Every structure is written in C-alpha cells, then in structure tokens.
Amino acid sequence: SAIPYIGQTLVEWAWGGFSVDNPTLTRFFALHFLLPFVIAGLTLVHLTFLHETGSNNPLGIPSDC
C-alpha cells in the first residue's frame, strides 16, 4: 500500500480481507448507493442555513443592479 504505517490496515478494512471478495462488493455497493443521499441531505441542510442567515456581501455591491 502507498500510505505508510496504516496503508495495509486500510486496504484490509476496505476490502474486507486480503482480496476483493463478496464483502468488498457489498461494502462498496452500499457506499455507492447511500453516498448520493448523504450528499443531497447535506446540500439541503446547507441551503436551509443559507436561507435563514442570508448571503454575505463583502464588496458592498448593491444587489439591485
């Protein structure tokens, strides 16, 4: 592995063992399926906070131009 000290441990954790097998495919499929929902949820939270606090205007340019 390319990461010193923890690389081999990370590879074994991600793969579920020493080789790519059924646990690896299941793990990556679950990540592939759930990650878009997590990103969409975080985007909605971000937009909600942005809506509540409003945007920042550091240059002081009027927004009605």
PDB file of N, CA and C in Angstrom:
ATOM      1  N   SER A   1       0.840  -1.186   0.000  1.00  0.00           N
ATOM      2  CA  SER A   1       0.000   0.000   0.000  1.00  0.00           C
ATOM      3  C   SER A   1       0.883   1.247   0.000  1.00  0.00           C
ATOM      4  N   ALA A   2       0.358   2.337  -0.486  1.00  0.00           N
ATOM      5  CA  ALA A   2       1.138   3.561  -0.656  1.00  0.00           C
ATOM      6  C   ALA A   2       1.151   4.450   0.581  1.00  0.00           C
ATOM      7  N   ILE A   3       0.299   4.187   1.559  1.00  0.00           N
ATOM      8  CA  ILE A   3       0.243   5.022   2.759  1.00  0.00           C
ATOM      9  C   ILE A   3       1.062   4.340   3.858  1.00  0.00           C
ATOM     10  N   PRO A   4       2.113   4.997   4.343  1.00  0.00           N
ATOM     11  CA  PRO A   4       2.948   4.370   5.370  1.00  0.00           C
ATOM     12  C   PRO A   4       2.175   4.096   6.664  1.00  0.00           C
ATOM     13  N   TYR A   5       2.536   3.041   7.341  1.00  0.00           N
ATOM     14  CA  TYR A   5       2.043   2.639   8.661  1.00  0.00           C
ATOM     15  C   TYR A   5       0.605   2.127   8.649  1.00  0.00           C
ATOM     16  N   ILE A   6      -0.335   2.858   8.058  1.00  0.00           N
ATOM     17  CA  ILE A   6      -1.746   2.455   8.148  1.00  0.00           C
ATOM     18  C   ILE A   6      -2.300   1.948   6.826  1.00  0.00           C
ATOM     19  N   GLY A   7      -1.492   1.955   5.774  1.00  0.00           N
ATOM     20  CA  GLY A   7      -1.979   1.586   4.447  1.00  0.00           C
ATOM     21  C   GLY A   7      -2.511   0.168   4.375  1.00  0.00           C
ATOM     22  N   GLN A   8      -1.749  -0.786   4.904  1.00  0.00           N
ATOM     23  CA  GLN A   8      -2.182  -2.185   4.845  1.00  0.00           C
ATOM     24  C   GLN A   8      -3.461  -2.394   5.649  1.00  0.00           C
ATOM     25  N   THR A   9      -3.576  -1.742   6.793  1.00  0.00           N
ATOM     26  CA  THR A   9      -4.792  -1.848   7.607  1.00  0.00           C
ATOM     27  C   THR A   9      -5.989  -1.267   6.873  1.00  0.00           C
ATOM     28  N   LEU A  10      -5.795  -0.123   6.210  1.00  0.00           N
ATOM     29  CA  LEU A  10      -6.892   0.480   5.445  1.00  0.00           C
ATOM     30  C   LEU A  10      -7.324  -0.409   4.289  1.00  0.00           C
ATOM     31  N   VAL A  11      -6.361  -1.011   3.612  1.00  0.00           N
ATOM     32  CA  VAL A  11      -6.688  -1.895   2.494  1.00  0.00           C
ATOM     33  C   VAL A  11      -7.480  -3.095   2.986  1.00  0.00           C
ATOM     34  N   GLU A  12      -7.038  -3.712   4.062  1.00  0.00           N
ATOM     35  CA  GLU A  12      -7.753  -4.873   4.590  1.00  0.00           C
ATOM     36  C   GLU A  12      -9.138  -4.493   5.091  1.00  0.00           C
ATOM     37  N   TRP A  13      -9.283  -3.309   5.671  1.00  0.00           N
ATOM     38  CA  TRP A  13     -10.603  -2.873   6.135  1.00  0.00           C
ATOM     39  C   TRP A  13     -11.530  -2.603   4.957  1.00  0.00           C
ATOM     40  N   ALA A  14     -11.035  -1.909   3.936  1.00  0.00           N
ATOM     41  CA  ALA A  14     -11.871  -1.574   2.781  1.00  0.00           C
ATOM     42  C   ALA A  14     -12.239  -2.820   1.988  1.00  0.00           C
ATOM     43  N   TRP A  15     -11.280  -3.731   1.820  1.00  0.00           N
ATOM     44  CA  TRP A  15     -11.537  -4.932   1.040  1.00  0.00           C
ATOM     45  C   TRP A  15     -12.283  -5.988   1.842  1.00  0.00           C
ATOM     46  N   GLY A  16     -12.221  -5.924   3.151  1.00  0.00           N
ATOM     47  CA  GLY A  16     -12.839  -6.956   3.974  1.00  0.00           C
ATOM     48  C   GLY A  16     -11.969  -8.190   4.095  1.00  0.00           C
ATOM     49  N   GLY A  17     -10.712  -8.083   3.796  1.00  0.00           N
ATOM     50  CA  GLY A  17      -9.773  -9.204   3.856  1.00  0.00           C
ATOM     51  C   GLY A  17      -8.573  -8.909   2.990  1.00  0.00           C
ATOM     52  N   PHE A  18      -7.906  -9.970   2.546  1.00  0.00           N
ATOM     53  CA  PHE A  18      -6.692  -9.795   1.753  1.00  0.00           C
ATOM     54  C   PHE A  18      -6.973  -9.700   0.264  1.00  0.00           C
ATOM     55  N   SER A  19      -8.183 -10.013  -0.158  1.00  0.00           N
ATOM     56  CA  SER A  19      -8.512  -9.957  -1.584  1.00  0.00           C
ATOM     57  C   SER A  19      -9.915  -9.394  -1.756  1.00  0.00           C
ATOM     58  N   VAL A  20     -10.200  -8.966  -2.980  1.00  0.00           N
ATOM     59  CA  VAL A  20     -11.530  -8.448  -3.294  1.00  0.00           C
ATOM     60  C   VAL A  20     -12.473  -9.638  -3.376  1.00  0.00           C
ATOM     61  N   ASP A  21     -13.519  -9.602  -2.549  1.00  0.00           N
ATOM     62  CA  ASP A  21     -14.453 -10.721  -2.488  1.00  0.00           C
ATOM     63  C   ASP A  21     -15.853 -10.164  -2.259  1.00  0.00           C
ATOM     64  N   ASN A  22     -16.782 -11.003  -1.890  1.00  0.00           N
ATOM     65  CA  ASN A  22     -18.176 -10.598  -1.701  1.00  0.00           C
ATOM     66  C   ASN A  22     -18.339  -9.484  -0.665  1.00  0.00           C
ATOM     67  N   PRO A  23     -17.666  -9.514   0.484  1.00  0.00           N
ATOM     68  CA  PRO A  23     -17.810  -8.391   1.428  1.00  0.00           C
ATOM     69  C   PRO A  23     -17.367  -7.057   0.835  1.00  0.00           C
ATOM     70  N   THR A  24     -16.339  -7.089  -0.007  1.00  0.00           N
ATOM     71  CA  THR A  24     -15.870  -5.861  -0.649  1.00  0.00           C
ATOM     72  C   THR A  24     -16.938  -5.293  -1.558  1.00  0.00           C
ATOM     73  N   LEU A  25     -17.509  -6.143  -2.393  1.00  0.00           N
ATOM     74  CA  LEU A  25     -18.536  -5.683  -3.329  1.00  0.00           C
ATOM     75  C   LEU A  25     -19.759  -5.165  -2.588  1.00  0.00           C
ATOM     76  N   THR A  26     -20.160  -5.840  -1.535  1.00  0.00           N
ATOM     77  CA  THR A  26     -21.309  -5.395  -0.749  1.00  0.00           C
ATOM     78  C   THR A  26     -21.030  -4.048  -0.095  1.00  0.00           C
ATOM     79  N   ARG A  27     -19.850  -3.897   0.456  1.00  0.00           N
ATOM     80  CA  ARG A  27     -19.480  -2.652   1.130  1.00  0.00           C
ATOM     81  C   ARG A  27     -19.454  -1.478   0.155  1.00  0.00           C
ATOM     82  N   PHE A  28     -18.836  -1.665  -1.005  1.00  0.00           N
ATOM     83  CA  PHE A  28     -18.754  -0.573  -1.971  1.00  0.00           C
ATOM     84  C   PHE A  28     -20.092  -0.295  -2.639  1.00  0.00           C
ATOM     85  N   PHE A  29     -20.929  -1.318  -2.820  1.00  0.00           N
ATOM     86  CA  PHE A  29     -22.257  -1.072  -3.364  1.00  0.00           C
ATOM     87  C   PHE A  29     -23.085  -0.254  -2.384  1.00  0.00           C
ATOM     88  N   ALA A  30     -23.009  -0.575  -1.095  1.00  0.00           N
ATOM     89  CA  ALA A  30     -23.746   0.197  -0.093  1.00  0.00           C
ATOM     90  C   ALA A  30     -23.258   1.641  -0.064  1.00  0.00           C
ATOM     91  N   LEU A  31     -21.947   1.844  -0.137  1.00  0.00           N
ATOM     92  CA  LEU A  31     -21.398   3.196  -0.177  1.00  0.00           C
ATOM     93  C   LEU A  31     -21.862   3.924  -1.434  1.00  0.00           C
ATOM     94  N   HIS A  32     -21.839   3.235  -2.570  1.00  0.00           N
ATOM     95  CA  HIS A  32     -22.256   3.821  -3.842  1.00  0.00           C
ATOM     96  C   HIS A  32     -23.731   4.187  -3.816  1.00  0.00           C
ATOM     97  N   PHE A  33     -24.543   3.403  -3.126  1.00  0.00           N
ATOM     98  CA  PHE A  33     -25.979   3.663  -3.061  1.00  0.00           C
ATOM     99  C   PHE A  33     -26.307   4.784  -2.077  1.00  0.00           C
ATOM    100  N   LEU A  34     -25.651   4.814  -0.925  1.00  0.00           N
ATOM    101  CA  LEU A  34     -26.006   5.760   0.132  1.00  0.00           C
ATOM    102  C   LEU A  34     -25.362   7.133  -0.015  1.00  0.00           C
ATOM    103  N   LEU A  35     -24.204   7.211  -0.648  1.00  0.00           N
ATOM    104  CA  LEU A  35     -23.484   8.475  -0.733  1.00  0.00           C
ATOM    105  C   LEU A  35     -24.276   9.589  -1.415  1.00  0.00           C
ATOM    106  N   PRO A  36     -25.008   9.353  -2.511  1.00  0.00           N
ATOM    107  CA  PRO A  36     -25.803  10.443  -3.094  1.00  0.00           C
ATOM    108  C   PRO A  36     -26.871  10.987  -2.145  1.00  0.00           C
ATOM    109  N   PHE A  37     -27.474  10.129  -1.345  1.00  0.00           N
ATOM    110  CA  PHE A  37     -28.474  10.590  -0.386  1.00  0.00           C
ATOM    111  C   PHE A  37     -27.830  11.431   0.714  1.00  0.00           C
ATOM    112  N   VAL A  38     -26.650  11.038   1.152  1.00  0.00           N
ATOM    113  CA  VAL A  38     -25.928  11.815   2.160  1.00  0.00           C
ATOM    114  C   VAL A  38     -25.558  13.185   1.600  1.00  0.00           C
ATOM    115  N   ILE A  39     -25.077  13.217   0.364  1.00  0.00           N
ATOM    116  CA  ILE A  39     -24.717  14.492  -0.263  1.00  0.00           C
ATOM    117  C   ILE A  39     -25.948  15.367  -0.440  1.00  0.00           C
ATOM    118  N   ALA A  40     -27.067  14.787  -0.872  1.00  0.00           N
ATOM    119  CA  ALA A  40     -28.300  15.563  -1.035  1.00  0.00           C
ATOM    120  C   ALA A  40     -28.778  16.109   0.307  1.00  0.00           C
ATOM    121  N   GLY A  41     -28.699  15.307   1.365  1.00  0.00           N
ATOM    122  CA  GLY A  41     -29.101  15.769   2.689  1.00  0.00           C
ATOM    123  C   GLY A  41     -28.234  16.908   3.184  1.00  0.00           C
ATOM    124  N   LEU A  42     -26.924  16.786   3.006  1.00  0.00           N
ATOM    125  CA  LEU A  42     -26.030  17.866   3.421  1.00  0.00           C
ATOM    126  C   LEU A  42     -26.258  19.128   2.601  1.00  0.00           C
ATOM    127  N   THR A  43     -26.588  18.973   1.324  1.00  0.00           N
ATOM    128  CA  THR A  43     -26.895  20.132   0.484  1.00  0.00           C
ATOM    129  C   THR A  43     -28.150  20.832   0.976  1.00  0.00           C
ATOM    130  N   LEU A  44     -29.174  20.074   1.340  1.00  0.00           N
ATOM    131  CA  LEU A  44     -30.407  20.674   1.862  1.00  0.00           C
ATOM    132  C   LEU A  44     -30.160  21.397   3.185  1.00  0.00           C
ATOM    133  N   VAL A  45     -29.359  20.806   4.046  1.00  0.00           N
ATOM    134  CA  VAL A  45     -29.026  21.467   5.311  1.00  0.00           C
ATOM    135  C   VAL A  45     -28.271  22.762   5.034  1.00  0.00           C
ATOM    136  N   HIS A  46     -27.333  22.717   4.106  1.00  0.00           N
ATOM    137  CA  HIS A  46     -26.570  23.912   3.746  1.00  0.00           C
ATOM    138  C   HIS A  46     -27.491  24.997   3.196  1.00  0.00           C
ATOM    139  N   LEU A  47     -28.396  24.643   2.307  1.00  0.00           N
ATOM    140  CA  LEU A  47     -29.316  25.628   1.737  1.00  0.00           C
ATOM    141  C   LEU A  47     -30.270  26.185   2.784  1.00  0.00           C
ATOM    142  N   THR A  48     -30.683  25.350   3.735  1.00  0.00           N
ATOM    143  CA  THR A  48     -31.555  25.819   4.809  1.00  0.00           C
ATOM    144  C   THR A  48     -30.840  26.861   5.665  1.00  0.00           C
ATOM    145  N   PHE A  49     -29.606  26.578   6.062  1.00  0.00           N
ATOM    146  CA  PHE A  49     -28.854  27.550   6.852  1.00  0.00           C
ATOM    147  C   PHE A  49     -28.575  28.814   6.057  1.00  0.00           C
ATOM    148  N   LEU A  50     -28.293  28.682   4.772  1.00  0.00           N
ATOM    149  CA  LEU A  50     -28.045  29.843   3.933  1.00  0.00           C
ATOM    150  C   LEU A  50     -29.309  30.686   3.809  1.00  0.00           C
ATOM    151  N   HIS A  51     -30.460  30.046   3.708  1.00  0.00           N
ATOM    152  CA  HIS A  51     -31.725  30.768   3.603  1.00  0.00           C
ATOM    153  C   HIS A  51     -32.034  31.521   4.900  1.00  0.00           C
ATOM    154  N   GLU A  52     -31.734  30.901   6.042  1.00  0.00           N
ATOM    155  CA  GLU A  52     -32.024  31.536   7.330  1.00  0.00           C
ATOM    156  C   GLU A  52     -31.107  32.725   7.603  1.00  0.00           C
ATOM    157  N   THR A  53     -29.832  32.605   7.288  1.00  0.00           N
ATOM    158  CA  THR A  53     -28.883  33.666   7.629  1.00  0.00           C
ATOM    159  C   THR A  53     -28.693  34.675   6.509  1.00  0.00           C
ATOM    160  N   GLY A  54     -28.990  34.315   5.301  1.00  0.00           N
ATOM    161  CA  GLY A  54     -28.797  35.210   4.166  1.00  0.00           C
ATOM    162  C   GLY A  54     -27.379  35.133   3.642  1.00  0.00           C
ATOM    163  N   SER A  55     -27.189  35.661   2.464  1.00  0.00           N
ATOM    164  CA  SER A  55     -25.868  35.647   1.844  1.00  0.00           C
ATOM    165  C   SER A  55     -25.029  36.804   2.362  1.00  0.00           C
ATOM    166  N   ASN A  56     -23.756  36.689   2.178  1.00  0.00           N
ATOM    167  CA  ASN A  56     -22.827  37.722   2.594  1.00  0.00           C
ATOM    168  C   ASN A  56     -22.488  38.589   1.384  1.00  0.00           C
ATOM    169  N   ASN A  57     -22.229  39.873   1.605  1.00  0.00           N
ATOM    170  CA  ASN A  57     -21.881  40.793   0.533  1.00  0.00           C
ATOM    171  C   ASN A  57     -20.619  41.548   0.942  1.00  0.00           C
ATOM    172  N   PRO A  58     -19.444  40.901   0.843  1.00  0.00           N
ATOM    173  CA  PRO A  58     -18.230  41.535   1.350  1.00  0.00           C
ATOM    174  C   PRO A  58     -17.784  42.759   0.553  1.00  0.00           C
ATOM    175  N   LEU A  59     -18.146  42.867  -0.716  1.00  0.00           N
ATOM    176  CA  LEU A  59     -17.714  44.009  -1.518  1.00  0.00           C
ATOM    177  C   LEU A  59     -18.652  45.197  -1.398  1.00  0.00           C
ATOM    178  N   GLY A  60     -19.822  45.007  -0.826  1.00  0.00           N
ATOM    179  CA  GLY A  60     -20.778  46.087  -0.666  1.00  0.00           C
ATOM    180  C   GLY A  60     -21.465  46.498  -1.957  1.00  0.00           C
ATOM    181  N   ILE A  61     -21.480  45.624  -2.942  1.00  0.00           N
ATOM    182  CA  ILE A  61     -22.128  45.928  -4.219  1.00  0.00           C
ATOM    183  C   ILE A  61     -23.633  45.774  -4.046  1.00  0.00           C
ATOM    184  N   PRO A  62     -24.423  46.762  -4.438  1.00  0.00           N
ATOM    185  CA  PRO A  62     -25.874  46.636  -4.299  1.00  0.00           C
ATOM    186  C   PRO A  62     -26.407  45.484  -5.152  1.00  0.00           C
ATOM    187  N   SER A  63     -27.342  44.738  -4.596  1.00  0.00           N
ATOM    188  CA  SER A  63     -27.860  43.568  -5.300  1.00  0.00           C
ATOM    189  C   SER A  63     -28.950  43.915  -6.301  1.00  0.00           C
ATOM    190  N   ASP A  64     -29.403  45.161  -6.351  1.00  0.00           N
ATOM    191  CA  ASP A  64     -30.477  45.532  -7.271  1.00  0.00           C
ATOM    192  C   ASP A  64     -29.944  46.015  -8.622  1.00  0.00           C
ATOM    193  N   CYS A  65     -28.658  45.882  -8.874  1.00  0.00           N
ATOM    194  CA  CYS A  65     -28.067  46.326 -10.144  1.00  0.00           C
ATOM    195  C   CYS A  65     -28.401  45.373 -11.264  1.00  0.00           C
TER     196      CYS A  65
END
